[in-house]
């Protein structure tokens, strides 16, 4: 994005922010609009204004914060999407399986910066949103003695253990069938926590709170690494899987509010231009 385009976008967004601040001040505290607006602000404190620029308030609330049968729609839509995803590398890569090795090599090189003497240890890592274990197998098992793996889809975890991981399955200490927003990791347990293509499936509030819990589960010199799609500007809600793609600066804001220090940021190179940019962020 050019500097002039960036300034134009920032100016437009500031005007939008000012308009919503004024509306918020004047809005009846008992009105439905106030309720929807306030709920969105709590769940998407860093992202909601960007989303409101694109999606009307009532519709945005319905596809994110509304509860149907006891489940928040933001999470229901993701679970419903992944029910139809096959437990395979093709399924994990969303029809871009040809870039899997490029992705894994970029991750291996980034991880090297933070593991070794005087850095994070190599005893144990946690793979959050592990799927069938593609990242565990290609990036984490070659480095760490043992692994723990978490995913919300039972079919993925079963395929990882019974088929995909092969002999490496014997080095998995625990599988967690959990939604990440509900998971409380054990304290001071992990050298590295890897979160790939999972932060986009958490609200800002739940991501911030999980990162704060994850920080407490790190060993000395341990690191958390997020690798995820990042919007070229603002935020975008994916209509297919319900995920939210945030600009890198918005992601940094959430990380800092969680009380973590960003150690390094690097863009994944070698992906086709048609793919949303993917960035890696290391923090502790």
C-alpha atoms as a PDB file:
ATOM      1  CA  UNK A   1       0.000   0.000   0.000  1.00  0.00           C
ATOM      2  CA  UNK A   2       1.481   3.377  -1.011  1.00  0.00           C
ATOM      3  CA  UNK A   3       2.005   6.163   1.536  1.00  0.00           C
ATOM      4  CA  UNK A   4      -0.701   8.338  -0.053  1.00  0.00           C
ATOM      5  CA  UNK A   5      -3.190   5.464  -0.080  1.00  0.00           C
ATOM      6  CA  UNK A   6      -2.321   4.647   3.529  1.00  0.00           C
ATOM      7  CA  UNK A   7      -2.865   8.266   4.613  1.00  0.00           C
ATOM      8  CA  UNK A   8      -6.158   8.433   2.739  1.00  0.00           C
ATOM      9  CA  UNK A   9      -7.336   5.227   4.384  1.00  0.00           C
ATOM     10  CA  UNK A  10      -6.226   6.406   7.841  1.00  0.00           C
ATOM     11  CA  UNK A  11      -8.060   9.686   7.361  1.00  0.00           C
ATOM     12  CA  UNK A  12     -11.256   7.953   6.309  1.00  0.00           C
ATOM     13  CA  UNK A  13     -11.038   5.577   9.229  1.00  0.00           C
ATOM     14  CA  UNK A  14     -10.462   8.426  11.710  1.00  0.00           C
ATOM     15  CA  UNK A  15     -13.540  10.218  10.403  1.00  0.00           C
ATOM     16  CA  UNK A  16     -15.513   7.014  10.814  1.00  0.00           C
ATOM     17  CA  UNK A  17     -14.143   6.566  14.336  1.00  0.00           C
ATOM     18  CA  UNK A  18     -15.121  10.129  15.256  1.00  0.00           C
ATOM     19  CA  UNK A  19     -18.643   9.597  13.917  1.00  0.00           C
ATOM     20  CA  UNK A  20     -19.094   6.426  15.957  1.00  0.00           C
ATOM     21  CA  UNK A  21     -17.741   8.086  19.096  1.00  0.00           C
ATOM     22  CA  UNK A  22     -20.332  10.844  18.706  1.00  0.00           C
ATOM     23  CA  UNK A  23     -23.079   8.294  18.056  1.00  0.00           C
ATOM     24  CA  UNK A  24     -22.002   6.332  21.118  1.00  0.00           C
ATOM     25  CA  UNK A  25     -22.213   9.422  23.328  1.00  0.00           C
ATOM     26  CA  UNK A  26     -25.713  10.300  22.109  1.00  0.00           C
ATOM     27  CA  UNK A  27     -27.124   6.776  21.877  1.00  0.00           C
ATOM     28  CA  UNK A  28     -29.834   5.837  24.342  1.00  0.00           C
ATOM     29  CA  UNK A  29     -28.289   3.473  26.864  1.00  0.00           C
ATOM     30  CA  UNK A  30     -31.379   1.264  26.691  1.00  0.00           C
ATOM     31  CA  UNK A  31     -31.593   1.051  22.899  1.00  0.00           C
ATOM     32  CA  UNK A  32     -30.913  -2.113  20.924  1.00  0.00           C
ATOM     33  CA  UNK A  33     -28.286  -0.266  18.864  1.00  0.00           C
ATOM     34  CA  UNK A  34     -26.358   0.613  22.005  1.00  0.00           C
ATOM     35  CA  UNK A  35     -26.472  -3.013  23.155  1.00  0.00           C
ATOM     36  CA  UNK A  36     -25.199  -4.321  19.818  1.00  0.00           C
ATOM     37  CA  UNK A  37     -22.544  -1.649  19.522  1.00  0.00           C
ATOM     38  CA  UNK A  38     -21.307  -2.157  23.093  1.00  0.00           C
ATOM     39  CA  UNK A  39     -21.157  -5.956  22.735  1.00  0.00           C
ATOM     40  CA  UNK A  40     -19.170  -5.701  19.515  1.00  0.00           C
ATOM     41  CA  UNK A  41     -16.768  -3.247  21.098  1.00  0.00           C
ATOM     42  CA  UNK A  42     -16.103  -5.630  23.986  1.00  0.00           C
ATOM     43  CA  UNK A  43     -15.469  -8.661  21.741  1.00  0.00           C
ATOM     44  CA  UNK A  44     -13.615  -6.890  18.912  1.00  0.00           C
ATOM     45  CA  UNK A  45     -12.068  -3.913  20.689  1.00  0.00           C
ATOM     46  CA  UNK A  46      -9.257  -3.520  18.151  1.00  0.00           C
ATOM     47  CA  UNK A  47     -11.200  -4.522  15.026  1.00  0.00           C
ATOM     48  CA  UNK A  48     -14.863  -3.601  15.287  1.00  0.00           C
ATOM     49  CA  UNK A  49     -14.713  -0.118  13.742  1.00  0.00           C
ATOM     50  CA  UNK A  50     -12.926  -1.491  10.690  1.00  0.00           C
ATOM     51  CA  UNK A  51     -15.584  -4.195  10.378  1.00  0.00           C
ATOM     52  CA  UNK A  52     -18.405  -1.670  10.771  1.00  0.00           C
ATOM     53  CA  UNK A  53     -17.023   0.252   7.807  1.00  0.00           C
ATOM     54  CA  UNK A  54     -17.888  -2.768   5.658  1.00  0.00           C
ATOM     55  CA  UNK A  55     -20.808  -4.518   7.386  1.00  0.00           C
ATOM     56  CA  UNK A  56     -23.987  -2.951   8.845  1.00  0.00           C
ATOM     57  CA  UNK A  57     -24.225  -3.111  12.634  1.00  0.00           C
ATOM     58  CA  UNK A  58     -27.134  -5.550  12.840  1.00  0.00           C
ATOM     59  CA  UNK A  59     -25.630  -7.961  10.299  1.00  0.00           C
ATOM     60  CA  UNK A  60     -22.172  -7.785  11.885  1.00  0.00           C
ATOM     61  CA  UNK A  61     -23.612  -8.586  15.306  1.00  0.00           C
ATOM     62  CA  UNK A  62     -25.582 -11.515  13.884  1.00  0.00           C
ATOM     63  CA  UNK A  63     -22.554 -13.221  12.322  1.00  0.00           C
ATOM     64  CA  UNK A  64     -20.192 -12.603  15.242  1.00  0.00           C
ATOM     65  CA  UNK A  65     -21.669 -12.038  18.692  1.00  0.00           C
ATOM     66  CA  UNK A  66     -25.219 -13.400  18.472  1.00  0.00           C
ATOM     67  CA  UNK A  67     -25.877 -16.617  20.391  1.00  0.00           C
ATOM     68  CA  UNK A  68     -27.969 -19.342  18.754  1.00  0.00           C
ATOM     69  CA  UNK A  69     -28.625 -22.507  20.771  1.00  0.00           C
ATOM     70  CA  UNK A  70     -26.075 -21.371  23.320  1.00  0.00           C
ATOM     71  CA  UNK A  71     -23.238 -20.872  20.852  1.00  0.00           C
ATOM     72  CA  UNK A  72     -21.683 -17.636  19.638  1.00  0.00           C
ATOM     73  CA  UNK A  73     -22.033 -17.399  15.859  1.00  0.00           C
ATOM     74  CA  UNK A  74     -18.396 -16.414  15.317  1.00  0.00           C
ATOM     75  CA  UNK A  75     -17.330 -19.826  16.639  1.00  0.00           C
ATOM     76  CA  UNK A  76     -20.262 -21.821  15.302  1.00  0.00           C
ATOM     77  CA  UNK A  77     -19.501 -20.765  11.728  1.00  0.00           C
ATOM     78  CA  UNK A  78     -15.882 -21.940  11.998  1.00  0.00           C
ATOM     79  CA  UNK A  79     -16.865 -25.292  13.485  1.00  0.00           C
ATOM     80  CA  UNK A  80     -19.512 -25.771  10.817  1.00  0.00           C
ATOM     81  CA  UNK A  81     -16.975 -24.972   8.081  1.00  0.00           C
ATOM     82  CA  UNK A  82     -14.347 -27.426   9.342  1.00  0.00           C
ATOM     83  CA  UNK A  83     -16.859 -30.287   9.576  1.00  0.00           C
ATOM     84  CA  UNK A  84     -16.635 -30.484   5.775  1.00  0.00           C
ATOM     85  CA  UNK A  85     -12.835 -30.165   5.562  1.00  0.00           C
ATOM     86  CA  UNK A  86     -11.117 -33.512   4.878  1.00  0.00           C
ATOM     87  CA  UNK A  87      -8.339 -34.612   7.273  1.00  0.00           C
ATOM     88  CA  UNK A  88      -5.568 -34.275   4.696  1.00  0.00           C
ATOM     89  CA  UNK A  89      -2.814 -31.865   3.696  1.00  0.00           C
ATOM     90  CA  UNK A  90      -5.089 -30.591   0.934  1.00  0.00           C
ATOM     91  CA  UNK A  91      -7.785 -29.892   3.501  1.00  0.00           C
ATOM     92  CA  UNK A  92      -5.373 -28.132   5.860  1.00  0.00           C
ATOM     93  CA  UNK A  93      -4.002 -25.926   3.063  1.00  0.00           C
ATOM     94  CA  UNK A  94      -7.359 -25.002   1.544  1.00  0.00           C
ATOM     95  CA  UNK A  95      -6.499 -26.113  -2.002  1.00  0.00           C
ATOM     96  CA  UNK A  96      -3.053 -24.478  -1.843  1.00  0.00           C
ATOM     97  CA  UNK A  97      -1.205 -27.684  -0.975  1.00  0.00           C
ATOM     98  CA  UNK A  98       1.535 -26.801  -3.490  1.00  0.00           C
ATOM     99  CA  UNK A  99       2.822 -24.072  -1.119  1.00  0.00           C
ATOM    100  CA  UNK A 100       2.910 -26.343   1.950  1.00  0.00           C
ATOM    101  CA  UNK A 101       6.661 -26.957   1.792  1.00  0.00           C
ATOM    102  CA  UNK A 102       7.357 -23.239   1.243  1.00  0.00           C
ATOM    103  CA  UNK A 103       5.269 -22.516   4.316  1.00  0.00           C
ATOM    104  CA  UNK A 104       7.029 -25.162   6.419  1.00  0.00           C
ATOM    105  CA  UNK A 105      10.507 -24.013   5.400  1.00  0.00           C
ATOM    106  CA  UNK A 106       9.652 -20.398   6.265  1.00  0.00           C
ATOM    107  CA  UNK A 107       8.453 -21.583   9.675  1.00  0.00           C
ATOM    108  CA  UNK A 108      11.572 -23.680  10.277  1.00  0.00           C
ATOM    109  CA  UNK A 109      13.862 -20.736   9.535  1.00  0.00           C
ATOM    110  CA  UNK A 110      11.863 -18.362  11.736  1.00  0.00           C
ATOM    111  CA  UNK A 111      11.791 -20.835  14.632  1.00  0.00           C
ATOM    112  CA  UNK A 112      15.587 -21.231  14.507  1.00  0.00           C
ATOM    113  CA  UNK A 113      15.991 -17.637  15.695  1.00  0.00           C
ATOM    114  CA  UNK A 114      14.439 -18.409  19.077  1.00  0.00           C
ATOM    115  CA  UNK A 115      15.559 -21.929  20.000  1.00  0.00           C
ATOM    116  CA  UNK A 116      18.990 -22.996  21.255  1.00  0.00           C
ATOM    117  CA  UNK A 117      21.606 -22.100  23.882  1.00  0.00           C
ATOM    118  CA  UNK A 118      20.519 -19.028  25.816  1.00  0.00           C
ATOM    119  CA  UNK A 119      17.134 -19.104  24.062  1.00  0.00           C
ATOM    120  CA  UNK A 120      14.073 -21.351  24.272  1.00  0.00           C
ATOM    121  CA  UNK A 121      14.687 -24.987  25.162  1.00  0.00           C
ATOM    122  CA  UNK A 122      13.770 -28.020  23.088  1.00  0.00           C
ATOM    123  CA  UNK A 123      11.929 -30.175  25.620  1.00  0.00           C
ATOM    124  CA  UNK A 124       8.288 -29.528  24.755  1.00  0.00           C
ATOM    125  CA  UNK A 125       6.133 -27.492  22.352  1.00  0.00           C
ATOM    126  CA  UNK A 126       2.388 -26.961  22.013  1.00  0.00           C
ATOM    127  CA  UNK A 127       0.770 -26.843  18.563  1.00  0.00           C
ATOM    128  CA  UNK A 128      -2.478 -24.843  18.784  1.00  0.00           C
ATOM    129  CA  UNK A 129      -4.982 -25.502  16.020  1.00  0.00           C
ATOM    130  CA  UNK A 130      -2.836 -28.445  14.988  1.00  0.00           C
ATOM    131  CA  UNK A 131      -5.244 -29.958  12.461  1.00  0.00           C
ATOM    132  CA  UNK A 132      -3.762 -33.270  11.295  1.00  0.00           C
ATOM    133  CA  UNK A 133      -0.301 -32.247  12.540  1.00  0.00           C
ATOM    134  CA  UNK A 134       1.182 -30.795   9.358  1.00  0.00           C
ATOM    135  CA  UNK A 135       3.199 -28.143  11.234  1.00  0.00           C
ATOM    136  CA  UNK A 136       4.042 -30.495  14.103  1.00  0.00           C
ATOM    137  CA  UNK A 137       5.443 -33.056  11.672  1.00  0.00           C
ATOM    138  CA  UNK A 138       7.267 -30.646   9.384  1.00  0.00           C
ATOM    139  CA  UNK A 139       8.505 -27.985  11.829  1.00  0.00           C
ATOM    140  CA  UNK A 140       8.192 -28.912  15.504  1.00  0.00           C
ATOM    141  CA  UNK A 141       8.990 -32.636  15.835  1.00  0.00           C
ATOM    142  CA  UNK A 142      12.467 -32.190  14.263  1.00  0.00           C
ATOM    143  CA  UNK A 143      13.282 -29.693  17.052  1.00  0.00           C
ATOM    144  CA  UNK A 144      11.412 -30.732  20.196  1.00  0.00           C
ATOM    145  CA  UNK A 145      11.641 -33.942  22.226  1.00  0.00           C
ATOM    146  CA  UNK A 146       7.924 -34.069  22.928  1.00  0.00           C
ATOM    147  CA  UNK A 147       4.772 -32.388  21.645  1.00  0.00           C
ATOM    148  CA  UNK A 148       1.302 -31.547  22.842  1.00  0.00           C
ATOM    149  CA  UNK A 149      -1.363 -30.854  20.225  1.00  0.00           C
ATOM    150  CA  UNK A 150      -4.700 -29.050  20.373  1.00  0.00           C
ATOM    151  CA  UNK A 151      -7.592 -28.806  17.934  1.00  0.00           C
ATOM    152  CA  UNK A 152     -11.368 -28.459  18.119  1.00  0.00           C
ATOM    153  CA  UNK A 153     -11.984 -31.140  15.445  1.00  0.00           C
ATOM    154  CA  UNK A 154     -11.837 -34.736  16.685  1.00  0.00           C
ATOM    155  CA  UNK A 155     -11.457 -36.154  13.148  1.00  0.00           C
ATOM    156  CA  UNK A 156      -8.254 -34.165  12.644  1.00  0.00           C
ATOM    157  CA  UNK A 157      -6.689 -35.314  15.913  1.00  0.00           C
ATOM    158  CA  UNK A 158      -7.622 -38.946  15.271  1.00  0.00           C
ATOM    159  CA  UNK A 159      -6.089 -38.830  11.796  1.00  0.00           C
ATOM    160  CA  UNK A 160      -2.942 -37.228  13.202  1.00  0.00           C
ATOM    161  CA  UNK A 161      -2.494 -39.932  15.835  1.00  0.00           C
ATOM    162  CA  UNK A 162      -3.537 -42.967  13.809  1.00  0.00           C
ATOM    163  CA  UNK A 163      -2.107 -42.119  10.388  1.00  0.00           C
ATOM    164  CA  UNK A 164      -0.370 -38.862   9.603  1.00  0.00           C
ATOM    165  CA  UNK A 165       2.269 -38.591  12.332  1.00  0.00           C
ATOM    166  CA  UNK A 166       3.529 -42.158  11.990  1.00  0.00           C
ATOM    167  CA  UNK A 167       6.170 -43.035  14.610  1.00  0.00           C
ATOM    168  CA  UNK A 168       6.204 -39.410  15.827  1.00  0.00           C
ATOM    169  CA  UNK A 169       2.806 -40.052  17.442  1.00  0.00           C
ATOM    170  CA  UNK A 170       4.681 -41.869  20.230  1.00  0.00           C
ATOM    171  CA  UNK A 171       6.265 -38.534  21.194  1.00  0.00           C
ATOM    172  CA  UNK A 172       2.930 -36.750  21.683  1.00  0.00           C
ATOM    173  CA  UNK A 173       2.372 -36.387  25.431  1.00  0.00           C
ATOM    174  CA  UNK A 174      -1.188 -35.093  25.147  1.00  0.00           C
ATOM    175  CA  UNK A 175      -3.910 -34.331  22.634  1.00  0.00           C
ATOM    176  CA  UNK A 176      -6.406 -31.647  23.643  1.00  0.00           C
ATOM    177  CA  UNK A 177      -9.836 -31.652  21.999  1.00  0.00           C
ATOM    178  CA  UNK A 178     -10.625 -28.040  22.860  1.00  0.00           C
ATOM    179  CA  UNK A 179     -11.709 -24.713  21.479  1.00  0.00           C
ATOM    180  CA  UNK A 180      -8.701 -22.481  22.071  1.00  0.00           C
ATOM    181  CA  UNK A 181     -10.758 -19.736  23.702  1.00  0.00           C
ATOM    182  CA  UNK A 182     -11.674 -22.228  26.459  1.00  0.00           C
ATOM    183  CA  UNK A 183      -8.249 -23.822  26.914  1.00  0.00           C
ATOM    184  CA  UNK A 184      -6.205 -23.107  30.042  1.00  0.00           C
ATOM    185  CA  UNK A 185      -2.629 -24.303  29.418  1.00  0.00           C
ATOM    186  CA  UNK A 186      -0.639 -25.714  32.357  1.00  0.00           C
ATOM    187  CA  UNK A 187       1.748 -23.178  33.948  1.00  0.00           C
ATOM    188  CA  UNK A 188       5.452 -23.058  33.025  1.00  0.00           C
ATOM    189  CA  UNK A 189       5.234 -26.086  30.738  1.00  0.00           C
ATOM    190  CA  UNK A 190       6.170 -25.136  27.162  1.00  0.00           C
ATOM    191  CA  UNK A 191       9.328 -23.936  25.464  1.00  0.00           C
ATOM    192  CA  UNK A 192       7.389 -22.864  22.382  1.00  0.00           C
ATOM    193  CA  UNK A 193       3.685 -22.381  21.699  1.00  0.00           C
ATOM    194  CA  UNK A 194       2.927 -22.386  17.972  1.00  0.00           C
ATOM    195  CA  UNK A 195      -0.318 -20.799  16.742  1.00  0.00           C
ATOM    196  CA  UNK A 196      -0.796 -21.075  12.981  1.00  0.00           C
ATOM    197  CA  UNK A 197      -4.023 -20.019  11.278  1.00  0.00           C
ATOM    198  CA  UNK A 198      -5.866 -20.103  14.598  1.00  0.00           C
ATOM    199  CA  UNK A 199      -5.674 -16.504  15.916  1.00  0.00           C
ATOM    200  CA  UNK A 200      -7.982 -15.521  13.045  1.00  0.00           C
ATOM    201  CA  UNK A 201     -10.663 -17.738  14.579  1.00  0.00           C
ATOM    202  CA  UNK A 202     -10.690 -15.886  17.924  1.00  0.00           C
ATOM    203  CA  UNK A 203     -12.392 -12.626  18.809  1.00  0.00           C
ATOM    204  CA  UNK A 204     -10.028  -9.848  19.870  1.00  0.00           C
ATOM    205  CA  UNK A 205     -11.046 -10.336  23.511  1.00  0.00           C
ATOM    206  CA  UNK A 206     -10.597 -14.111  23.467  1.00  0.00           C
ATOM    207  CA  UNK A 207      -7.271 -13.856  21.631  1.00  0.00           C
ATOM    208  CA  UNK A 208      -5.945 -11.316  24.140  1.00  0.00           C
ATOM    209  CA  UNK A 209      -7.063 -13.451  27.085  1.00  0.00           C
ATOM    210  CA  UNK A 210      -5.633 -16.647  25.630  1.00  0.00           C
ATOM    211  CA  UNK A 211      -2.271 -14.999  24.928  1.00  0.00           C
ATOM    212  CA  UNK A 212      -2.139 -13.790  28.546  1.00  0.00           C
ATOM    213  CA  UNK A 213      -2.764 -17.373  29.747  1.00  0.00           C
ATOM    214  CA  UNK A 214      -0.257 -18.776  27.258  1.00  0.00           C
ATOM    215  CA  UNK A 215       2.419 -16.405  28.533  1.00  0.00           C
ATOM    216  CA  UNK A 216       2.051 -17.953  32.002  1.00  0.00           C
ATOM    217  CA  UNK A 217       2.530 -21.440  30.509  1.00  0.00           C
ATOM    218  CA  UNK A 218       5.951 -20.644  29.022  1.00  0.00           C
ATOM    219  CA  UNK A 219       9.187 -21.882  30.535  1.00  0.00           C
ATOM    220  CA  UNK A 220      12.063 -19.399  30.987  1.00  0.00           C
ATOM    221  CA  UNK A 221      13.080 -17.983  27.581  1.00  0.00           C
ATOM    222  CA  UNK A 222       9.985 -19.563  26.041  1.00  0.00           C
ATOM    223  CA  UNK A 223       8.244 -17.957  23.076  1.00  0.00           C
ATOM    224  CA  UNK A 224       4.816 -17.840  21.466  1.00  0.00           C
ATOM    225  CA  UNK A 225       4.739 -17.706  17.684  1.00  0.00           C
ATOM    226  CA  UNK A 226       1.677 -16.623  15.728  1.00  0.00           C
ATOM    227  CA  UNK A 227       1.626 -17.306  11.999  1.00  0.00           C
ATOM    228  CA  UNK A 228      -1.496 -16.066  10.293  1.00  0.00           C
ATOM    229  CA  UNK A 229      -3.152 -14.255   7.436  1.00  0.00           C
ATOM    230  CA  UNK A 230      -2.903 -10.471   7.774  1.00  0.00           C
ATOM    231  CA  UNK A 231      -5.098  -8.006   5.899  1.00  0.00           C
ATOM    232  CA  UNK A 232      -3.448  -5.492   3.612  1.00  0.00           C
ATOM    233  CA  UNK A 233      -5.490  -2.820   5.396  1.00  0.00           C
ATOM    234  CA  UNK A 234      -8.038  -2.737   8.190  1.00  0.00           C
ATOM    235  CA  UNK A 235      -9.905  -5.973   8.912  1.00  0.00           C
ATOM    236  CA  UNK A 236     -11.921  -8.381   6.829  1.00  0.00           C
ATOM    237  CA  UNK A 237     -14.468 -10.970   7.939  1.00  0.00           C
ATOM    238  CA  UNK A 238     -14.244 -14.116   5.814  1.00  0.00           C
ATOM    239  CA  UNK A 239     -17.799 -15.059   4.743  1.00  0.00           C
ATOM    240  CA  UNK A 240     -16.837 -18.712   4.200  1.00  0.00           C
ATOM    241  CA  UNK A 241     -15.131 -19.875   7.398  1.00  0.00           C
ATOM    242  CA  UNK A 242     -16.089 -16.931   9.620  1.00  0.00           C
ATOM    243  CA  UNK A 243     -12.482 -15.990  10.386  1.00  0.00           C
ATOM    244  CA  UNK A 244     -11.291 -12.414  10.825  1.00  0.00           C
ATOM    245  CA  UNK A 245      -8.227 -11.261   8.924  1.00  0.00           C
ATOM    246  CA  UNK A 246      -6.552  -8.376  10.755  1.00  0.00           C
ATOM    247  CA  UNK A 247      -3.906  -5.919   9.631  1.00  0.00           C
ATOM    248  CA  UNK A 248      -0.525  -6.555  11.249  1.00  0.00           C
ATOM    249  CA  UNK A 249      -0.780  -3.354  13.323  1.00  0.00           C
ATOM    250  CA  UNK A 250      -4.138  -4.471  14.761  1.00  0.00           C
ATOM    251  CA  UNK A 251      -2.658  -7.851  15.677  1.00  0.00           C
ATOM    252  CA  UNK A 252       0.281  -6.114  17.368  1.00  0.00           C
ATOM    253  CA  UNK A 253      -2.154  -4.005  19.385  1.00  0.00           C
ATOM    254  CA  UNK A 254      -3.927  -7.118  20.710  1.00  0.00           C
ATOM    255  CA  UNK A 255      -0.607  -8.777  21.561  1.00  0.00           C
ATOM    256  CA  UNK A 256       0.605  -5.755  23.493  1.00  0.00           C
ATOM    257  CA  UNK A 257      -2.687  -5.468  25.398  1.00  0.00           C
ATOM    258  CA  UNK A 258      -2.189  -9.102  26.440  1.00  0.00           C
ATOM    259  CA  UNK A 259       1.030  -8.042  28.186  1.00  0.00           C
ATOM    260  CA  UNK A 260       3.477  -9.660  25.769  1.00  0.00           C
ATOM    261  CA  UNK A 261       6.620  -8.239  24.198  1.00  0.00           C
ATOM    262  CA  UNK A 262       7.037  -8.655  20.444  1.00  0.00           C
ATOM    263  CA  UNK A 263      10.480 -10.085  19.669  1.00  0.00           C
ATOM    264  CA  UNK A 264      10.404 -10.259  15.878  1.00  0.00           C
ATOM    265  CA  UNK A 265       8.071  -9.973  12.901  1.00  0.00           C
ATOM    266  CA  UNK A 266       8.655 -11.525   9.487  1.00  0.00           C
ATOM    267  CA  UNK A 267       6.587 -11.895   6.337  1.00  0.00           C
ATOM    268  CA  UNK A 268       6.313 -15.352   4.769  1.00  0.00           C
ATOM    269  CA  UNK A 269       7.904 -15.093   1.332  1.00  0.00           C
ATOM    270  CA  UNK A 270       7.287 -17.222  -1.740  1.00  0.00           C
ATOM    271  CA  UNK A 271       3.490 -17.318  -1.680  1.00  0.00           C
ATOM    272  CA  UNK A 272       1.480 -16.392  -4.796  1.00  0.00           C
ATOM    273  CA  UNK A 273       0.258 -12.784  -4.880  1.00  0.00           C
ATOM    274  CA  UNK A 274      -3.358 -13.996  -4.921  1.00  0.00           C
ATOM    275  CA  UNK A 275      -2.960 -15.271  -1.346  1.00  0.00           C
ATOM    276  CA  UNK A 276      -3.550 -12.938   1.589  1.00  0.00           C
ATOM    277  CA  UNK A 277      -0.177 -11.934   3.129  1.00  0.00           C
ATOM    278  CA  UNK A 278       0.989 -14.264   5.901  1.00  0.00           C
ATOM    279  CA  UNK A 279       3.158 -12.942   8.738  1.00  0.00           C
ATOM    280  CA  UNK A 280       5.005 -14.563  11.632  1.00  0.00           C
ATOM    281  CA  UNK A 281       5.186 -12.843  15.024  1.00  0.00           C
ATOM    282  CA  UNK A 282       7.344 -14.062  17.915  1.00  0.00           C
ATOM    283  CA  UNK A 283       6.581 -12.828  21.435  1.00  0.00           C
ATOM    284  CA  UNK A 284       7.280 -13.546  25.066  1.00  0.00           C
END
